[in-house]
Amino acid sequence: MIKAGTLQHIIELQRATETVHSTGAVSTSWTTYATGKAELRRSGVSEFLTAYGEVSADKAVFVLRWLPGVSVADRVVHGGKVWNIVALAEIGRRRGLELRAVAS
């Protein structure tokens, strides 16, 4: 269950778009396709297991209301920081999404 009072952080969901120029060069840009509120949980050891010798990165879990079409190819922008989505899980039957992300 998602409680409205916990959705205190404004986030943007962005998707990469590629443009092919007349010279044949390809450039990638990120476009915001959704803005909304989310609950932010900093991940602990139990949230993400790291392999032996792996450098620990800044990790977080964003919980938001259901939004169709979100994928691990997208990213989250929160407070000027970019987070790459590494996993997502549906909460209930289209009630919400849990986005596990790593700071880029």
Protein backbone atom coordinates (compact mmCIF):
# COMPACT_ATOMS: atom_id res chain seq x y z
CA MET A 1 0.00 0.00 0.00
CA ILE A 2 1.29 3.45 -0.90
CA LYS A 3 0.47 6.24 1.52
CA ALA A 4 0.16 9.72 0.00
CA GLY A 5 1.99 11.30 2.95
CA THR A 6 5.20 9.42 2.16
CA LEU A 7 5.35 10.68 -1.44
CA GLN A 8 7.37 13.79 -0.58
CA HIS A 9 10.09 13.89 -3.25
CA ILE A 10 9.61 15.35 -6.74
CA ILE A 11 11.20 13.17 -9.42
CA GLU A 12 11.48 13.18 -13.20
CA LEU A 13 11.50 10.03 -15.30
CA GLN A 14 13.61 10.36 -18.42
CA ARG A 15 14.06 8.25 -21.55
CA ALA A 16 16.98 8.30 -23.98
CA THR A 17 16.34 9.37 -27.56
CA GLU A 18 18.88 9.00 -30.35
CA THR A 19 19.22 11.46 -33.21
CA VAL A 20 21.08 10.70 -36.42
CA HIS A 21 22.61 13.84 -37.92
CA SER A 22 23.13 14.42 -41.64
CA THR A 23 26.83 13.60 -41.13
CA GLY A 24 25.88 10.16 -39.82
CA ALA A 25 26.86 10.97 -36.25
CA VAL A 26 24.48 9.70 -33.58
CA SER A 27 23.78 11.77 -30.47
CA THR A 28 21.83 10.66 -27.42
CA SER A 29 19.72 13.04 -25.37
CA TRP A 30 17.45 12.46 -22.40
CA THR A 31 13.84 13.62 -22.48
CA THR A 32 11.55 13.91 -19.45
CA TYR A 33 8.35 11.93 -20.05
CA ALA A 34 6.86 12.03 -16.54
CA THR A 35 7.14 14.14 -13.40
CA GLY A 36 5.64 13.16 -10.07
CA LYS A 37 6.05 12.49 -6.39
CA ALA A 38 7.84 9.50 -4.88
CA GLU A 39 8.99 8.08 -1.59
CA LEU A 40 12.78 7.87 -1.38
CA ARG A 41 14.42 5.07 0.57
CA ARG A 42 18.19 4.86 0.83
CA SER A 43 19.25 1.27 0.29
CA GLY A 44 21.10 -0.67 2.92
CA VAL A 45 23.09 -3.85 2.61
CA SER A 46 19.93 -5.94 2.58
CA GLU A 47 18.56 -4.04 -0.43
CA PHE A 48 21.44 -4.59 -2.83
CA LEU A 49 23.97 -7.36 -2.44
CA THR A 50 27.39 -6.42 -3.77
CA ALA A 51 29.90 -8.90 -5.07
CA TYR A 52 33.22 -9.39 -3.31
CA GLY A 53 35.56 -6.52 -4.15
CA GLU A 54 32.86 -4.43 -5.83
CA VAL A 55 32.96 -0.74 -5.03
CA SER A 56 29.85 0.34 -3.19
CA ALA A 57 27.82 2.92 -5.11
CA ASP A 58 25.13 5.31 -3.94
CA LYS A 59 21.87 3.33 -4.13
CA ALA A 60 18.23 4.18 -3.53
CA VAL A 61 14.70 2.87 -3.94
CA PHE A 62 11.99 5.16 -5.31
CA VAL A 63 8.36 4.19 -4.63
CA LEU A 64 5.76 5.91 -6.78
CA ARG A 65 2.22 5.50 -8.02
CA TRP A 66 1.68 3.19 -11.01
CA LEU A 67 2.90 4.53 -14.33
CA PRO A 68 2.82 2.34 -17.47
CA GLY A 69 5.86 1.96 -19.70
CA VAL A 70 8.67 2.50 -17.19
CA SER A 71 11.71 0.32 -17.92
CA VAL A 72 15.30 -0.25 -16.78
CA ALA A 73 16.44 1.72 -19.85
CA ASP A 74 15.00 4.87 -18.23
CA ARG A 75 16.49 7.02 -15.49
CA VAL A 76 15.32 9.10 -12.52
CA VAL A 77 16.36 12.68 -11.79
CA HIS A 78 15.92 13.78 -8.19
CA GLY A 79 17.38 16.90 -6.62
CA GLY A 80 19.69 17.45 -9.58
CA LYS A 81 21.16 13.96 -9.25
CA VAL A 82 20.79 11.31 -11.95
CA TRP A 83 19.87 7.74 -10.97
CA ASN A 84 19.99 4.78 -13.38
CA ILE A 85 17.16 2.29 -12.87
CA VAL A 86 18.56 -1.21 -12.37
CA ALA A 87 15.37 -3.05 -11.35
CA LEU A 88 11.68 -2.38 -10.97
CA ALA A 89 8.80 -4.16 -9.31
CA GLU A 90 5.07 -3.67 -9.50
CA ILE A 91 3.33 -3.03 -6.17
CA GLY A 92 -0.06 -4.70 -6.03
CA ARG A 93 -2.02 -4.79 -9.24
CA ARG A 94 -1.04 -1.53 -10.91
CA ARG A 95 -1.05 0.37 -7.62
CA GLY A 96 2.56 1.47 -7.61
CA LEU A 97 6.13 0.90 -8.74
CA GLU A 98 9.31 0.30 -6.80
CA LEU A 99 12.34 1.53 -8.76
CA ARG A 100 15.76 0.36 -7.55
CA ALA A 101 18.38 2.79 -8.76
CA VAL A 102 22.11 3.49 -8.66
CA ALA A 103 23.54 7.01 -8.87
CA SER A 104 25.38 7.61 -12.13
